[in-house]
mmCIF file of all heavy atoms, coordinates in Angstrom:
data_MODEL
# 
_entry.id   MODEL 
# 
loop_
_atom_site.group_PDB 
_atom_site.id 
_atom_site.type_symbol 
_atom_site.label_atom_id 
_atom_site.label_alt_id 
_atom_site.label_comp_id 
_atom_site.label_asym_id 
_atom_site.label_entity_id 
_atom_site.label_seq_id 
_atom_site.pdbx_PDB_ins_code 
_atom_site.Cartn_x 
_atom_site.Cartn_y 
_atom_site.Cartn_z 
_atom_site.occupancy 
_atom_site.B_iso_or_equiv 
_atom_site.pdbx_formal_charge 
_atom_site.auth_seq_id 
_atom_site.auth_comp_id 
_atom_site.auth_asym_id 
_atom_site.auth_atom_id 
_atom_site.pdbx_PDB_model_num 
ATOM 1   N N   . PRO A 1 1  ? -27.277 -6.960  239.717 1.00 0.00 ? 1  PRO A N   1 
ATOM 2   C CA  . PRO A 1 1  ? -26.962 -8.154  240.521 1.00 0.00 ? 1  PRO A CA  1 
ATOM 3   C C   . PRO A 1 1  ? -28.154 -8.693  241.289 1.00 0.00 ? 1  PRO A C   1 
ATOM 4   O O   . PRO A 1 1  ? -28.083 -9.769  241.888 1.00 0.00 ? 1  PRO A O   1 
ATOM 5   C CB  . PRO A 1 1  ? -25.865 -7.650  241.475 1.00 0.00 ? 1  PRO A CB  1 
ATOM 6   C CG  . PRO A 1 1  ? -26.101 -6.183  241.595 1.00 0.00 ? 1  PRO A CG  1 
ATOM 7   C CD  . PRO A 1 1  ? -26.597 -5.750  240.247 1.00 0.00 ? 1  PRO A CD  1 
ATOM 8   N N   . GLU A 1 2  ? -29.263 -7.949  241.275 1.00 0.00 ? 2  GLU A N   1 
ATOM 9   C CA  . GLU A 1 2  ? -30.459 -8.395  241.994 1.00 0.00 ? 2  GLU A CA  1 
ATOM 10  C C   . GLU A 1 2  ? -31.201 -9.517  241.253 1.00 0.00 ? 2  GLU A C   1 
ATOM 11  O O   . GLU A 1 2  ? -32.261 -9.951  241.665 1.00 0.00 ? 2  GLU A O   1 
ATOM 12  C CB  . GLU A 1 2  ? -31.415 -7.215  242.198 1.00 0.00 ? 2  GLU A CB  1 
ATOM 13  C CG  . GLU A 1 2  ? -30.903 -6.168  243.158 1.00 0.00 ? 2  GLU A CG  1 
ATOM 14  C CD  . GLU A 1 2  ? -30.988 -6.635  244.599 1.00 0.00 ? 2  GLU A CD  1 
ATOM 15  O OE1 . GLU A 1 2  ? -31.922 -7.384  244.933 1.00 0.00 ? 2  GLU A OE1 1 
ATOM 16  O OE2 . GLU A 1 2  ? -30.108 -6.260  245.391 1.00 0.00 ? 2  GLU A OE2 1 
ATOM 17  N N   . GLY A 1 3  ? -30.669 -9.932  240.096 1.00 0.00 ? 3  GLY A N   1 
ATOM 18  C CA  . GLY A 1 3  ? -31.320 -11.029 239.367 1.00 0.00 ? 3  GLY A CA  1 
ATOM 19  C C   . GLY A 1 3  ? -32.053 -10.575 238.129 1.00 0.00 ? 3  GLY A C   1 
ATOM 20  O O   . GLY A 1 3  ? -33.011 -11.213 237.697 1.00 0.00 ? 3  GLY A O   1 
ATOM 21  N N   . GLY A 1 4  ? -31.607 -9.493  237.523 1.00 0.00 ? 4  GLY A N   1 
ATOM 22  C CA  . GLY A 1 4  ? -32.262 -9.001  236.308 1.00 0.00 ? 4  GLY A CA  1 
ATOM 23  C C   . GLY A 1 4  ? -33.390 -8.040  236.635 1.00 0.00 ? 4  GLY A C   1 
ATOM 24  O O   . GLY A 1 4  ? -33.738 -7.840  237.798 1.00 0.00 ? 4  GLY A O   1 
ATOM 25  N N   . GLU A 1 5  ? -33.925 -7.417  235.614 1.00 0.00 ? 5  GLU A N   1 
ATOM 26  C CA  . GLU A 1 5  ? -34.980 -6.432  235.826 1.00 0.00 ? 5  GLU A CA  1 
ATOM 27  C C   . GLU A 1 5  ? -36.268 -6.906  235.136 1.00 0.00 ? 5  GLU A C   1 
ATOM 28  O O   . GLU A 1 5  ? -36.636 -6.443  234.044 1.00 0.00 ? 5  GLU A O   1 
ATOM 29  C CB  . GLU A 1 5  ? -34.532 -5.066  235.326 1.00 0.00 ? 5  GLU A CB  1 
ATOM 30  C CG  . GLU A 1 5  ? -33.296 -4.565  236.072 1.00 0.00 ? 5  GLU A CG  1 
ATOM 31  C CD  . GLU A 1 5  ? -33.202 -3.048  236.136 1.00 0.00 ? 5  GLU A CD  1 
ATOM 32  O OE1 . GLU A 1 5  ? -33.487 -2.386  235.121 1.00 0.00 ? 5  GLU A OE1 1 
ATOM 33  O OE2 . GLU A 1 5  ? -32.857 -2.527  237.204 1.00 0.00 ? 5  GLU A OE2 1 
ATOM 34  N N   . GLU A 1 6  ? -36.927 -7.834  235.807 1.00 0.00 ? 6  GLU A N   1 
ATOM 35  C CA  . GLU A 1 6  ? -38.172 -8.395  235.277 1.00 0.00 ? 6  GLU A CA  1 
ATOM 36  C C   . GLU A 1 6  ? -39.251 -7.325  235.164 1.00 0.00 ? 6  GLU A C   1 
ATOM 37  O O   . GLU A 1 6  ? -40.162 -7.443  234.335 1.00 0.00 ? 6  GLU A O   1 
ATOM 38  C CB  . GLU A 1 6  ? -38.670 -9.515  236.172 1.00 0.00 ? 6  GLU A CB  1 
ATOM 39  C CG  . GLU A 1 6  ? -37.784 -10.757 236.173 1.00 0.00 ? 6  GLU A CG  1 
ATOM 40  C CD  . GLU A 1 6  ? -38.287 -11.799 237.157 1.00 0.00 ? 6  GLU A CD  1 
ATOM 41  O OE1 . GLU A 1 6  ? -39.495 -11.747 237.497 1.00 0.00 ? 6  GLU A OE1 1 
ATOM 42  O OE2 . GLU A 1 6  ? -37.490 -12.641 237.594 1.00 0.00 ? 6  GLU A OE2 1 
ATOM 43  N N   . ASN A 1 7  ? -39.157 -6.298  236.014 1.00 0.00 ? 7  ASN A N   1 
ATOM 44  C CA  . ASN A 1 7  ? -40.178 -5.246  235.970 1.00 0.00 ? 7  ASN A CA  1 
ATOM 45  C C   . ASN A 1 7  ? -40.196 -4.535  234.614 1.00 0.00 ? 7  ASN A C   1 
ATOM 46  O O   . ASN A 1 7  ? -41.260 -4.176  234.103 1.00 0.00 ? 7  ASN A O   1 
ATOM 47  C CB  . ASN A 1 7  ? -39.999 -4.256  237.117 1.00 0.00 ? 7  ASN A CB  1 
ATOM 48  C CG  . ASN A 1 7  ? -38.588 -3.707  237.208 1.00 0.00 ? 7  ASN A CG  1 
ATOM 49  O OD1 . ASN A 1 7  ? -37.632 -4.294  236.698 1.00 0.00 ? 7  ASN A OD1 1 
ATOM 50  N ND2 . ASN A 1 7  ? -38.421 -2.561  237.867 1.00 0.00 ? 7  ASN A ND2 1 
ATOM 51  N N   . PHE A 1 8  ? -39.032 -4.350  233.999 1.00 0.00 ? 8  PHE A N   1 
ATOM 52  C CA  . PHE A 1 8  ? -38.977 -3.709  232.683 1.00 0.00 ? 8  PHE A CA  1 
ATOM 53  C C   . PHE A 1 8  ? -39.511 -4.654  231.602 1.00 0.00 ? 8  PHE A C   1 
ATOM 54  O O   . PHE A 1 8  ? -40.131 -4.222  230.631 1.00 0.00 ? 8  PHE A O   1 
ATOM 55  C CB  . PHE A 1 8  ? -37.547 -3.259  232.370 1.00 0.00 ? 8  PHE A CB  1 
ATOM 56  C CG  . PHE A 1 8  ? -37.186 -1.949  233.020 1.00 0.00 ? 8  PHE A CG  1 
ATOM 57  C CD1 . PHE A 1 8  ? -36.777 -1.909  234.344 1.00 0.00 ? 8  PHE A CD1 1 
ATOM 58  C CD2 . PHE A 1 8  ? -37.288 -0.752  232.320 1.00 0.00 ? 8  PHE A CD2 1 
ATOM 59  C CE1 . PHE A 1 8  ? -36.446 -0.704  234.960 1.00 0.00 ? 8  PHE A CE1 1 
ATOM 60  C CE2 . PHE A 1 8  ? -36.969 0.457   232.925 1.00 0.00 ? 8  PHE A CE2 1 
ATOM 61  C CZ  . PHE A 1 8  ? -36.549 0.483   234.248 1.00 0.00 ? 8  PHE A CZ  1 
ATOM 62  N N   . GLN A 1 9  ? -39.282 -5.942  231.786 1.00 0.00 ? 9  GLN A N   1 
ATOM 63  C CA  . GLN A 1 9  ? -39.846 -6.922  230.848 1.00 0.00 ? 9  GLN A CA  1 
ATOM 64  C C   . GLN A 1 9  ? -41.369 -6.967  230.980 1.00 0.00 ? 9  GLN A C   1 
ATOM 65  O O   . GLN A 1 9  ? -42.088 -7.079  229.978 1.00 0.00 ? 9  GLN A O   1 
ATOM 66  C CB  . GLN A 1 9  ? -39.242 -8.302  231.122 1.00 0.00 ? 9  GLN A CB  1 
ATOM 67  C CG  . GLN A 1 9  ? -37.751 -8.383  230.819 1.00 0.00 ? 9  GLN A CG  1 
ATOM 68  C CD  . GLN A 1 9  ? -37.128 -9.681  231.315 1.00 0.00 ? 9  GLN A CD  1 
ATOM 69  O OE1 . GLN A 1 9  ? -37.829 -10.637 231.634 1.00 0.00 ? 9  GLN A OE1 1 
ATOM 70  N NE2 . GLN A 1 9  ? -35.800 -9.707  231.395 1.00 0.00 ? 9  GLN A NE2 1 
ATOM 71  N N   . GLU A 1 10 ? -41.861 -6.872  232.219 1.00 0.00 ? 10 GLU A N   1 
ATOM 72  C CA  . GLU A 1 10 ? -43.314 -6.809  232.436 1.00 0.00 ? 10 GLU A CA  1 
ATOM 73  C C   . GLU A 1 10 ? -43.901 -5.564  231.785 1.00 0.00 ? 10 GLU A C   1 
ATOM 74  O O   . GLU A 1 10 ? -44.977 -5.612  231.185 1.00 0.00 ? 10 GLU A O   1 
ATOM 75  C CB  . GLU A 1 10 ? -43.620 -6.795  233.937 1.00 0.00 ? 10 GLU A CB  1 
ATOM 76  C CG  . GLU A 1 10 ? -43.355 -8.119  234.651 1.00 0.00 ? 10 GLU A CG  1 
ATOM 77  C CD  . GLU A 1 10 ? -43.608 -8.028  236.148 1.00 0.00 ? 10 GLU A CD  1 
ATOM 78  O OE1 . GLU A 1 10 ? -43.695 -6.903  236.679 1.00 0.00 ? 10 GLU A OE1 1 
ATOM 79  O OE2 . GLU A 1 10 ? -43.727 -9.084  236.788 1.00 0.00 ? 10 GLU A OE2 1 
ATOM 80  N N   . ALA A 1 11 ? -43.181 -4.450  231.904 1.00 0.00 ? 11 ALA A N   1 
ATOM 81  C CA  . ALA A 1 11 ? -43.640 -3.199  231.299 1.00 0.00 ? 11 ALA A CA  1 
ATOM 82  C C   . ALA A 1 11 ? -43.732 -3.333  229.782 1.00 0.00 ? 11 ALA A C   1 
ATOM 83  O O   . ALA A 1 11 ? -44.722 -2.928  229.157 1.00 0.00 ? 11 ALA A O   1 
ATOM 84  C CB  . ALA A 1 11 ? -42.689 -2.057  231.672 1.00 0.00 ? 11 ALA A CB  1 
ATOM 85  N N   . GLU A 1 12 ? -42.708 -3.942  229.192 1.00 0.00 ? 12 GLU A N   1 
ATOM 86  C CA  . GLU A 1 12 ? -42.698 -4.122  227.735 1.00 0.00 ? 12 GLU A CA  1 
ATOM 87  C C   . GLU A 1 12 ? -43.851 -5.027  227.288 1.00 0.00 ? 12 GLU A C   1 
ATOM 88  O O   . GLU A 1 12 ? -44.519 -4.766  226.286 1.00 0.00 ? 12 GLU A O   1 
ATOM 89  C CB  . GLU A 1 12 ? -41.350 -4.734  227.333 1.00 0.00 ? 12 GLU A CB  1 
ATOM 90  C CG  . GLU A 1 12 ? -41.134 -4.845  225.825 1.00 0.00 ? 12 GLU A CG  1 
ATOM 91  C CD  . GLU A 1 12 ? -41.524 -6.213  225.297 1.00 0.00 ? 12 GLU A CD  1 
ATOM 92  O OE1 . GLU A 1 12 ? -41.615 -7.156  226.108 1.00 0.00 ? 12 GLU A OE1 1 
ATOM 93  O OE2 . GLU A 1 12 ? -41.751 -6.328  224.078 1.00 0.00 ? 12 GLU A OE2 1 
ATOM 94  N N   . ALA A 1 13 ? -44.126 -6.077  228.066 1.00 0.00 ? 13 ALA A N   1 
ATOM 95  C CA  . ALA A 1 13 ? -45.202 -7.021  227.726 1.00 0.00 ? 13 ALA A CA  1 
ATOM 96  C C   . ALA A 1 13 ? -46.585 -6.390  227.869 1.00 0.00 ? 13 ALA A C   1 
ATOM 97  O O   . ALA A 1 13 ? -47.544 -6.830  227.220 1.00 0.00 ? 13 ALA A O   1 
ATOM 98  C CB  . ALA A 1 13 ? -45.103 -8.257  228.610 1.00 0.00 ? 13 ALA A CB  1 
ATOM 99  N N   . ALA A 1 14 ? -46.691 -5.357  228.706 1.00 0.00 ? 14 ALA A N   1 
ATOM 100 C CA  . ALA A 1 14 ? -47.996 -4.733  228.967 1.00 0.00 ? 14 ALA A CA  1 
ATOM 101 C C   . ALA A 1 14 ? -48.334 -3.628  227.981 1.00 0.00 ? 14 ALA A C   1 
ATOM 102 O O   . ALA A 1 14 ? -49.457 -3.099  228.004 1.00 0.00 ? 14 ALA A O   1 
ATOM 103 C CB  . ALA A 1 14 ? -48.021 -4.174  230.394 1.00 0.00 ? 14 ALA A CB  1 
ATOM 104 N N   . ILE A 1 15 ? -47.419 -3.273  227.112 1.00 0.00 ? 15 ILE A N   1 
ATOM 105 C CA  . ILE A 1 15 ? -47.627 -2.125  226.224 1.00 0.00 ? 15 ILE A CA  1 
ATOM 106 C C   . ILE A 1 15 ? -48.799 -2.341  225.276 1.00 0.00 ? 15 ILE A C   1 
ATOM 107 O O   . ILE A 1 15 ? -49.689 -1.490  225.167 1.00 0.00 ? 15 ILE A O   1 
ATOM 108 C CB  . ILE A 1 15 ? -46.327 -1.804  225.443 1.00 0.00 ? 15 ILE A CB  1 
ATOM 109 C CG1 . ILE A 1 15 ? -45.291 -1.209  226.398 1.00 0.00 ? 15 ILE A CG1 1 
ATOM 110 C CG2 . ILE A 1 15 ? -46.608 -0.838  224.287 1.00 0.00 ? 15 ILE A CG2 1 
ATOM 111 C CD1 . ILE A 1 15 ? -43.907 -1.048  225.794 1.00 0.00 ? 15 ILE A CD1 1 
ATOM 112 N N   . ASN A 1 16 ? -48.797 -3.456  224.553 1.00 0.00 ? 16 ASN A N   1 
ATOM 113 C CA  . ASN A 1 16 ? -49.846 -3.680  223.548 1.00 0.00 ? 16 ASN A CA  1 
ATOM 114 C C   . ASN A 1 16 ? -51.246 -3.644  224.132 1.00 0.00 ? 16 ASN A C   1 
ATOM 115 O O   . ASN A 1 16 ? -52.169 -3.096  223.534 1.00 0.00 ? 16 ASN A O   1 
ATOM 116 C CB  . ASN A 1 16 ? -49.633 -5.022  222.842 1.00 0.00 ? 16 ASN A CB  1 
ATOM 117 C CG  . ASN A 1 16 ? -48.646 -4.908  221.691 1.00 0.00 ? 16 ASN A CG  1 
ATOM 118 O OD1 . ASN A 1 16 ? -48.364 -3.812  221.214 1.00 0.00 ? 16 ASN A OD1 1 
ATOM 119 N ND2 . ASN A 1 16 ? -48.106 -6.029  221.262 1.00 0.00 ? 16 ASN A ND2 1 
ATOM 120 N N   . LYS A 1 17 ? -51.423 -4.232  225.310 1.00 0.00 ? 17 LYS A N   1 
ATOM 121 C CA  . LYS A 1 17 ? -52.762 -4.350  225.891 1.00 0.00 ? 17 LYS A CA  1 
ATOM 122 C C   . LYS A 1 17 ? -53.219 -3.075  226.589 1.00 0.00 ? 17 LYS A C   1 
ATOM 123 O O   . LYS A 1 17 ? -54.423 -2.774  226.615 1.00 0.00 ? 17 LYS A O   1 
ATOM 124 C CB  . LYS A 1 17 ? -52.777 -5.520  226.875 1.00 0.00 ? 17 LYS A CB  1 
ATOM 125 C CG  . LYS A 1 17 ? -54.158 -5.847  227.403 1.00 0.00 ? 17 LYS A CG  1 
ATOM 126 C CD  . LYS A 1 17 ? -54.165 -7.124  228.217 1.00 0.00 ? 17 LYS A CD  1 
ATOM 127 C CE  . LYS A 1 17 ? -53.447 -6.950  229.530 1.00 0.00 ? 17 LYS A CE  1 
ATOM 128 N NZ  . LYS A 1 17 ? -53.573 -8.125  230.416 1.00 0.00 ? 17 LYS A NZ  1 
ATOM 129 N N   . ASN A 1 18 ? -52.278 -2.309  227.137 1.00 0.00 ? 18 ASN A N   1 
ATOM 130 C CA  . ASN A 1 18 ? -52.661 -1.176  227.985 1.00 0.00 ? 18 ASN A CA  1 
ATOM 131 C C   . ASN A 1 18 ? -52.472 0.199   227.355 1.00 0.00 ? 18 ASN A C   1 
ATOM 132 O O   . ASN A 1 18 ? -53.021 1.173   227.856 1.00 0.00 ? 18 ASN A O   1 
ATOM 133 C CB  . ASN A 1 18 ? -51.872 -1.241  229.302 1.00 0.00 ? 18 ASN A CB  1 
ATOM 134 C CG  . ASN A 1 18 ? -52.256 -2.430  230.150 1.00 0.00 ? 18 ASN A CG  1 
ATOM 135 O OD1 . ASN A 1 18 ? -53.311 -2.437  230.773 1.00 0.00 ? 18 ASN A OD1 1 
ATOM 136 N ND2 . ASN A 1 18 ? -51.416 -3.452  230.154 1.00 0.00 ? 18 ASN A ND2 1 
ATOM 137 N N   . ILE A 1 19 ? -51.698 0.271   226.290 1.00 0.00 ? 19 ILE A N   1 
ATOM 138 C CA  . ILE A 1 19 ? -51.538 1.558   225.609 1.00 0.00 ? 19 ILE A CA  1 
ATOM 139 C C   . ILE A 1 19 ? -52.297 1.468   224.291 1.00 0.00 ? 19 ILE A C   1 
ATOM 140 O O   . ILE A 1 19 ? -51.749 1.118   223.243 1.00 0.00 ? 19 ILE A O   1 
ATOM 141 C CB  . ILE A 1 19 ? -50.048 1.888   225.396 1.00 0.00 ? 19 ILE A CB  1 
ATOM 142 C CG1 . ILE A 1 19 ? -49.342 1.940   226.757 1.00 0.00 ? 19 ILE A CG1 1 
ATOM 143 C CG2 . ILE A 1 19 ? -49.895 3.213   224.662 1.00 0.00 ? 19 ILE A CG2 1 
ATOM 144 C CD1 . ILE A 1 19 ? -47.870 2.225   226.687 1.00 0.00 ? 19 ILE A CD1 1 
ATOM 145 N N   . VAL A 1 20 ? -53.580 1.708   224.385 1.00 0.00 ? 20 VAL A N   1 
ATOM 146 C CA  . VAL A 1 20 ? -54.464 1.619   223.227 1.00 0.00 ? 20 VAL A CA  1 
ATOM 147 C C   . VAL A 1 20 ? -55.392 2.830   223.201 1.00 0.00 ? 20 VAL A C   1 
ATOM 148 O O   . VAL A 1 20 ? -55.677 3.426   224.237 1.00 0.00 ? 20 VAL A O   1 
ATOM 149 C CB  . VAL A 1 20 ? -55.315 0.328   223.269 1.00 0.00 ? 20 VAL A CB  1 
ATOM 150 C CG1 . VAL A 1 20 ? -54.442 -0.897  223.088 1.00 0.00 ? 20 VAL A CG1 1 
ATOM 151 C CG2 . VAL A 1 20 ? -56.088 0.223   224.580 1.00 0.00 ? 20 VAL A CG2 1 
ATOM 152 N N   . ALA A 1 21 ? -55.822 3.172   221.989 1.00 0.00 ? 21 ALA A N   1 
ATOM 153 C CA  . ALA A 1 21 ? -56.751 4.298   221.855 1.00 0.00 ? 21 ALA A CA  1 
ATOM 154 C C   . ALA A 1 21 ? -58.051 3.961   222.570 1.00 0.00 ? 21 ALA A C   1 
ATOM 155 O O   . ALA A 1 21 ? -58.560 2.840   222.452 1.00 0.00 ? 21 ALA A O   1 
ATOM 156 C CB  . ALA A 1 21 ? -57.015 4.563   220.377 1.00 0.00 ? 21 ALA A CB  1 
ATOM 157 N N   . PRO A 1 22 ? -58.607 4.884   223.336 1.00 0.00 ? 22 PRO A N   1 
ATOM 158 C CA  . PRO A 1 22 ? -59.843 4.606   224.078 1.00 0.00 ? 22 PRO A CA  1 
ATOM 159 C C   . PRO A 1 22 ? -61.001 4.303   223.133 1.00 0.00 ? 22 PRO A C   1 
ATOM 160 O O   . PRO A 1 22 ? -61.175 4.964   222.119 1.00 0.00 ? 22 PRO A O   1 
ATOM 161 C CB  . PRO A 1 22 ? -60.081 5.899   224.869 1.00 0.00 ? 22 PRO A CB  1 
ATOM 162 C CG  . PRO A 1 22 ? -59.314 6.961   224.146 1.00 0.00 ? 22 PRO A CG  1 
ATOM 163 C CD  . PRO A 1 22 ? -58.142 6.275   223.550 1.00 0.00 ? 22 PRO A CD  1 
ATOM 164 N N   . ARG A 1 23 ? -61.771 3.266   223.475 1.00 0.00 ? 23 ARG A N   1 
ATOM 165 C CA  . ARG A 1 23 ? -62.952 2.906   222.685 1.00 0.00 ? 23 ARG A CA  1 
ATOM 166 C C   . ARG A 1 23 ? -63.966 2.191   223.573 1.00 0.00 ? 23 ARG A C   1 
ATOM 167 O O   . ARG A 1 23 ? -63.613 1.575   224.570 1.00 0.00 ? 23 ARG A O   1 
ATOM 168 C CB  . ARG A 1 23 ? -62.590 1.991   221.506 1.00 0.00 ? 23 ARG A CB  1 
ATOM 169 C CG  . ARG A 1 23 ? -61.953 0.679   221.914 1.00 0.00 ? 23 ARG A CG  1 
ATOM 170 C CD  . ARG A 1 23 ? -61.684 -0.202  220.704 1.00 0.00 ? 23 ARG A CD  1 
ATOM 171 N NE  . ARG A 1 23 ? -62.890 -0.740  220.128 1.00 0.00 ? 23 ARG A NE  1 
ATOM 172 C CZ  . ARG A 1 23 ? -63.481 -1.869  220.526 1.00 0.00 ? 23 ARG A CZ  1 
ATOM 173 N NH1 . ARG A 1 23 ? -62.954 -2.574  221.534 1.00 0.00 ? 23 ARG A NH1 1 
ATOM 174 N NH2 . ARG A 1 23 ? -64.574 -2.307  219.953 1.00 0.00 ? 23 ARG A NH2 1 
ATOM 175 N N   . LEU A 1 24 ? -65.218 2.311   223.175 1.00 0.00 ? 24 LEU A N   1 
ATOM 176 C CA  . LEU A 1 24 ? -66.275 1.627   223.900 1.00 0.00 ? 24 LEU A CA  1 
ATOM 177 C C   . LEU A 1 24 ? -66.532 0.268   223.267 1.00 0.00 ? 24 LEU A C   1 
ATOM 178 O O   . LEU A 1 24 ? -66.548 0.140   222.042 1.00 0.00 ? 24 LEU A O   1 
ATOM 179 C CB  . LEU A 1 24 ? -67.574 2.444   223.858 1.00 0.00 ? 24 LEU A CB  1 
ATOM 180 C CG  . LEU A 1 24 ? -67.721 3.612   224.832 1.00 0.00 ? 24 LEU A CG  1 
ATOM 181 C CD1 . LEU A 1 24 ? -69.070 4.268   224.616 1.00 0.00 ? 24 LEU A CD1 1 
ATOM 182 C CD2 . LEU A 1 24 ? -67.590 3.160   226.274 1.00 0.00 ? 24 LEU A CD2 1 
ATOM 183 N N   . GLU A 1 25 ? -66.738 -0.748  224.091 1.00 0.00 ? 25 GLU A N   1 
ATOM 184 C CA  . GLU A 1 25 ? -67.122 -2.056  223.582 1.00 0.00 ? 25 GLU A CA  1 
ATOM 185 C C   . GLU A 1 25 ? -68.505 -1.951  222.940 1.00 0.00 ? 25 GLU A C   1 
ATOM 186 O O   . GLU A 1 25 ? -69.330 -1.108  223.313 1.00 0.00 ? 25 GLU A O   1 
ATOM 187 C CB  . GLU A 1 25 ? -67.163 -3.088  224.726 1.00 0.00 ? 25 GLU A CB  1 
ATOM 188 C CG  . GLU A 1 25 ? -65.870 -3.247  225.491 1.00 0.00 ? 25 GLU A CG  1 
ATOM 189 C CD  . GLU A 1 25 ? -64.800 -3.962  224.687 1.00 0.00 ? 25 GLU A CD  1 
ATOM 190 O OE1 . GLU A 1 25 ? -65.158 -4.702  223.750 1.00 0.00 ? 25 GLU A OE1 1 
ATOM 191 O OE2 . GLU A 1 25 ? -63.611 -3.769  225.003 1.00 0.00 ? 25 GLU A OE2 1 
ATOM 192 N N   . ASP A 1 26 ? -68.764 -2.824  221.965 1.00 0.00 ? 26 ASP A N   1 
ATOM 193 C CA  . ASP A 1 26 ? -70.046 -2.781  221.255 1.00 0.00 ? 26 ASP A CA  1 
ATOM 194 C C   . ASP A 1 26 ? -71.224 -2.969  222.204 1.00 0.00 ? 26 ASP A C   1 
ATOM 195 O O   . ASP A 1 26 ? -72.276 -2.342  222.031 1.00 0.00 ? 26 ASP A O   1 
ATOM 196 C CB  . ASP A 1 26 ? -70.083 -3.867  220.168 1.00 0.00 ? 26 ASP A CB  1 
ATOM 197 C CG  . ASP A 1 26 ? -69.119 -3.573  219.032 1.00 0.00 ? 26 ASP A CG  1 
ATOM 198 O OD1 . ASP A 1 26 ? -68.727 -2.402  218.887 1.00 0.00 ? 26 ASP A OD1 1 
ATOM 199 O OD2 . ASP A 1 26 ? -68.760 -4.504  218.296 1.00 0.00 ? 26 ASP A OD2 1 
# 
């Protein structure tokens, strides 16, 4: 009733960018 759970949507949107194998930029 608080207006949805945008925090979980933010978490889902952040997965691709933040859960990646560590690598050094060229």
